[in-house]
Amino acid sequence: MSDSASLSISTQQRNFELVAVVLTGLGKFLFMDWLNLKLAYILVAILFWSGYVLYQQQKQPGILSYWGLSTVSFFKSFWSLFPIFIGISLLAVCYGQYSGSSVLDLSILAILLLYPIWGIIQQFIIIALVGRNLKDHSKIDLNKSTIIAITAFVFGIVHYPHPLLIIATFLLALVYTHLYLKGYNLLVLGIYHGWLGAVFYYTVLGRHAWNEVFEAVSF
């Protein structure tokens, strides 16, 4: 990940990104939770933020590395986190079997392929555009612990009203933001977010994510 000193990002751009993140979060409550337009919201969010990333890459070469959206430290980050992913996944599967909440079947394979796309977008929105901007913003002076706590709080609260998801994503974001600010690759964090989310849905929450996708398509 590039050092912030090597890339000039204006205060106006950082402010725009922070405001856009807030609006994206409010949109989640409106379109996903209230209007139940889950798939439509996710697709629009993916298209908007993917377009923004491509636009900024054309405008500011090097910004992908700054955000952690490059191959820099990809494999190092991936393999260092792999044992943790396996451990958490095994715990989730055991919990699901013990509690009877597991709905695990082969459809999880499709979710493991699809959900990392949304996981990367979420990590980019919250950890890169909130955590990184709070750290590098010229008008904001916060210590690292406070930045991590704020970022984790934002990540947890957008998963309201599901208590288990709020707690899990808050704890995950504490670790992820710390790792990201240390230089871990954001693509890897997003991939693992998607994989852990898929396992968590099928085992701990007892929610069949593939069926929910089909229900969302049938709006």
Protein backbone atom coordinates (compact mmCIF):
# COMPACT_ATOMS: atom_id res chain seq x y z
CA MET A 1 0.00 0.00 0.00
CA SER A 2 1.34 3.40 -0.94
CA ASP A 3 2.23 5.84 1.74
CA SER A 4 -0.15 8.80 1.88
CA ALA A 5 2.75 11.17 1.38
CA SER A 6 3.31 9.79 -2.13
CA LEU A 7 -0.23 10.56 -3.27
CA SER A 8 -1.90 13.94 -3.03
CA ILE A 9 -5.59 13.59 -2.19
CA SER A 10 -7.44 16.83 -1.63
CA THR A 11 -9.50 17.58 1.46
CA GLN A 12 -12.49 18.07 -0.83
CA GLN A 13 -12.14 14.55 -2.22
CA ARG A 14 -11.81 13.04 1.24
CA ASN A 15 -14.89 14.97 2.40
CA PHE A 16 -16.85 13.83 -0.65
CA GLU A 17 -15.91 10.22 0.02
CA LEU A 18 -16.93 10.40 3.67
CA VAL A 19 -20.29 11.99 2.78
CA ALA A 20 -20.84 9.41 0.02
CA VAL A 21 -20.18 6.62 2.53
CA VAL A 22 -22.80 8.08 4.90
CA LEU A 23 -25.34 8.29 2.07
CA THR A 24 -24.56 4.72 1.04
CA GLY A 25 -25.17 3.61 4.61
CA LEU A 26 -28.46 5.50 4.83
CA GLY A 27 -29.45 3.96 1.50
CA LYS A 28 -28.95 0.52 3.03
CA PHE A 29 -31.53 1.23 5.73
CA LEU A 30 -33.98 2.70 3.20
CA PHE A 31 -33.69 0.29 0.30
CA MET A 32 -32.63 -2.97 1.94
CA ASP A 33 -34.31 -2.83 5.33
CA TRP A 34 -37.43 -0.77 4.67
CA LEU A 35 -38.27 -1.23 0.97
CA ASN A 36 -36.73 -4.73 0.77
CA LEU A 37 -34.93 -3.93 -2.49
CA LYS A 38 -31.82 -5.84 -1.45
CA LEU A 39 -30.53 -6.96 -4.81
CA ALA A 40 -31.23 -3.63 -6.50
CA TYR A 41 -29.40 -1.73 -3.76
CA ILE A 42 -26.39 -4.05 -3.82
CA LEU A 43 -26.09 -3.85 -7.61
CA VAL A 44 -26.35 -0.04 -7.65
CA ALA A 45 -23.80 0.26 -4.83
CA ILE A 46 -21.38 -2.07 -6.62
CA LEU A 47 -21.76 -0.18 -9.91
CA PHE A 48 -21.40 3.26 -8.30
CA TRP A 49 -18.33 2.48 -6.22
CA SER A 50 -16.69 0.41 -8.96
CA GLY A 51 -17.20 3.34 -11.31
CA TYR A 52 -15.77 5.72 -8.73
CA VAL A 53 -12.67 3.55 -8.30
CA LEU A 54 -12.11 3.38 -12.08
CA TYR A 55 -12.61 7.14 -12.40
CA GLN A 56 -10.12 7.94 -9.66
CA GLN A 57 -7.60 5.46 -11.08
CA GLN A 58 -7.73 7.30 -14.42
CA LYS A 59 -7.46 10.64 -12.65
CA GLN A 60 -4.84 9.66 -10.06
CA PRO A 61 -2.61 6.76 -11.12
CA GLY A 62 -1.39 4.98 -8.03
CA ILE A 63 -4.54 5.41 -6.00
CA LEU A 64 -5.37 1.70 -6.24
CA SER A 65 -2.16 0.89 -4.39
CA TYR A 66 -2.93 3.63 -1.87
CA TRP A 67 -6.33 2.06 -1.21
CA GLY A 68 -4.89 -1.45 -1.11
CA LEU A 69 -6.73 -2.52 -4.26
CA SER A 70 -3.70 -3.94 -6.03
CA THR A 71 -1.54 -7.05 -6.00
CA VAL A 72 0.90 -5.49 -3.53
CA SER A 73 1.21 -7.84 -0.50
CA PHE A 74 -1.78 -9.86 -1.82
CA PHE A 75 -0.36 -13.35 -1.28
CA LYS A 76 1.41 -12.43 1.94
CA SER A 77 -1.87 -11.10 3.34
CA PHE A 78 -3.86 -14.05 2.00
CA TRP A 79 -1.74 -16.80 3.49
CA SER A 80 -1.19 -15.05 6.81
CA LEU A 81 -4.97 -14.83 7.32
CA PHE A 82 -5.86 -18.26 5.91
CA PRO A 83 -5.40 -20.21 9.20
CA ILE A 84 -7.62 -17.68 10.98
CA PHE A 85 -10.31 -18.08 8.33
CA ILE A 86 -10.18 -21.87 8.67
CA GLY A 87 -10.35 -21.66 12.47
CA ILE A 88 -13.33 -19.28 12.54
CA SER A 89 -15.13 -21.31 9.87
CA LEU A 90 -14.71 -24.54 11.85
CA LEU A 91 -16.03 -22.85 14.99
CA ALA A 92 -19.04 -21.53 13.07
CA VAL A 93 -19.79 -24.97 11.58
CA CYS A 94 -19.51 -26.60 15.02
CA TYR A 95 -21.80 -23.96 16.52
CA GLY A 96 -24.35 -24.46 13.77
CA GLN A 97 -24.37 -28.22 14.22
CA TYR A 98 -24.56 -27.96 18.02
CA SER A 99 -27.33 -25.34 18.07
CA GLY A 100 -29.26 -26.81 15.17
CA SER A 101 -29.14 -23.53 13.25
CA SER A 102 -27.04 -24.81 10.35
CA VAL A 103 -28.63 -24.94 6.87
CA LEU A 104 -25.34 -25.81 5.21
CA ASP A 105 -25.52 -27.37 1.75
CA LEU A 106 -23.67 -27.26 -1.57
CA SER A 107 -25.27 -23.95 -2.58
CA ILE A 108 -22.75 -22.27 -0.29
CA LEU A 109 -20.17 -22.84 -3.03
CA ALA A 110 -21.98 -20.35 -5.29
CA ILE A 111 -22.17 -17.83 -2.45
CA LEU A 112 -18.45 -18.28 -1.77
CA LEU A 113 -17.84 -17.22 -5.37
CA LEU A 114 -20.28 -14.29 -5.44
CA TYR A 115 -20.21 -12.76 -1.98
CA PRO A 116 -16.52 -11.70 -2.00
CA ILE A 117 -17.43 -9.12 -4.70
CA TRP A 118 -19.78 -7.43 -2.24
CA GLY A 119 -17.28 -8.06 0.55
CA ILE A 120 -14.56 -6.11 -1.29
CA ILE A 121 -16.96 -3.22 -1.90
CA GLN A 122 -17.91 -3.15 1.78
CA GLN A 123 -14.29 -3.20 2.91
CA PHE A 124 -13.46 -0.43 0.47
CA ILE A 125 -16.37 1.76 1.58
CA ILE A 126 -15.85 1.34 5.30
CA ILE A 127 -12.20 0.57 5.93
CA ALA A 128 -10.52 2.45 3.07
CA LEU A 129 -12.83 5.45 2.77
CA VAL A 130 -13.64 5.81 6.47
CA GLY A 131 -10.60 4.40 8.27
CA ARG A 132 -7.95 5.57 5.81
CA ASN A 133 -9.53 8.99 5.29
CA LEU A 134 -9.79 9.58 9.03
CA LYS A 135 -6.13 8.66 9.35
CA ASP A 136 -4.85 10.81 6.47
CA HIS A 137 -7.34 13.71 6.55
CA SER A 138 -5.51 17.00 6.99
CA LYS A 139 -8.31 18.47 9.12
CA ILE A 140 -8.82 15.47 11.42
CA ASP A 141 -6.45 14.58 14.24
CA LEU A 142 -7.33 11.23 15.81
CA ASN A 143 -5.13 8.53 17.26
CA LYS A 144 -5.07 5.09 15.65
CA SER A 145 -7.15 3.41 18.36
CA THR A 146 -9.94 5.97 17.98
CA ILE A 147 -9.92 5.59 14.19
CA ILE A 148 -10.18 1.81 14.51
CA ALA A 149 -13.04 2.10 17.02
CA ILE A 150 -14.99 4.58 14.86
CA THR A 151 -14.54 2.47 11.74
CA ALA A 152 -15.61 -0.70 13.53
CA PHE A 153 -18.65 1.07 14.99
CA VAL A 154 -19.73 2.24 11.52
CA PHE A 155 -19.25 -1.24 10.10
CA GLY A 156 -21.25 -2.81 12.90
CA ILE A 157 -24.12 -0.32 12.88
CA VAL A 158 -24.82 -0.73 9.16
CA HIS A 159 -25.71 -4.36 9.91
CA TYR A 160 -28.60 -3.27 12.14
CA PRO A 161 -31.09 -4.74 13.09
CA HIS A 162 -29.36 -8.15 13.38
CA PRO A 163 -27.63 -8.34 16.82
CA LEU A 164 -25.31 -11.22 15.95
CA LEU A 165 -24.24 -9.54 12.71
CA ILE A 166 -23.63 -6.23 14.49
CA ILE A 167 -21.39 -7.89 17.09
CA ALA A 168 -19.58 -10.09 14.56
CA THR A 169 -18.93 -7.31 12.05
CA PHE A 170 -17.87 -4.89 14.78
CA LEU A 171 -15.27 -7.35 16.07
CA LEU A 172 -14.20 -8.23 12.54
CA ALA A 173 -13.76 -4.56 11.65
CA LEU A 174 -11.61 -3.95 14.74
CA VAL A 175 -9.17 -6.56 13.46
CA TYR A 176 -9.52 -5.65 9.78
CA THR A 177 -8.96 -1.93 10.27
CA HIS A 178 -5.89 -2.61 12.38
CA LEU A 179 -4.50 -4.94 9.72
CA TYR A 180 -5.38 -2.57 6.88
CA LEU A 181 -3.63 0.37 8.49
CA LYS A 182 -0.59 -1.91 8.91
CA GLY A 183 -0.53 -2.50 5.16
CA TYR A 184 -2.65 -5.60 4.58
CA ASN A 185 -4.15 -5.93 1.11
CA LEU A 186 -7.77 -4.72 0.93
CA LEU A 187 -8.73 -7.23 -1.76
CA VAL A 188 -7.73 -10.06 0.57
CA LEU A 189 -9.70 -8.56 3.44
CA GLY A 190 -12.73 -8.29 1.17
CA ILE A 191 -12.43 -11.87 -0.03
CA TYR A 192 -12.23 -13.19 3.51
CA HIS A 193 -15.11 -10.94 4.52
CA GLY A 194 -17.21 -12.57 1.80
CA TRP A 195 -16.17 -16.10 2.73
CA LEU A 196 -16.67 -15.59 6.46
CA GLY A 197 -20.02 -13.93 5.79
CA ALA A 198 -21.16 -16.89 3.70
CA VAL A 199 -20.17 -19.40 6.39
CA PHE A 200 -21.71 -17.25 9.14
CA TYR A 201 -25.03 -16.98 7.27
CA TYR A 202 -25.36 -20.72 6.66
CA THR A 203 -24.23 -21.89 10.09
CA VAL A 204 -24.60 -19.36 12.91
CA LEU A 205 -27.56 -17.37 11.54
CA GLY A 206 -29.26 -20.33 9.88
CA ARG A 207 -30.06 -18.27 6.78
CA HIS A 208 -29.92 -19.88 3.35
CA ALA A 209 -28.17 -17.12 1.44
CA TRP A 210 -28.69 -18.67 -2.00
CA ASN A 211 -32.47 -18.84 -1.45
CA GLU A 212 -32.42 -15.22 -0.30
CA VAL A 213 -30.72 -14.25 -3.55
CA PHE A 214 -33.52 -15.88 -5.56
CA GLU A 215 -36.15 -14.19 -3.38
CA ALA A 216 -34.44 -10.84 -4.04
CA VAL A 217 -34.49 -11.49 -7.80
CA SER A 218 -38.24 -12.09 -7.64
CA PHE A 219 -39.22 -8.57 -6.55
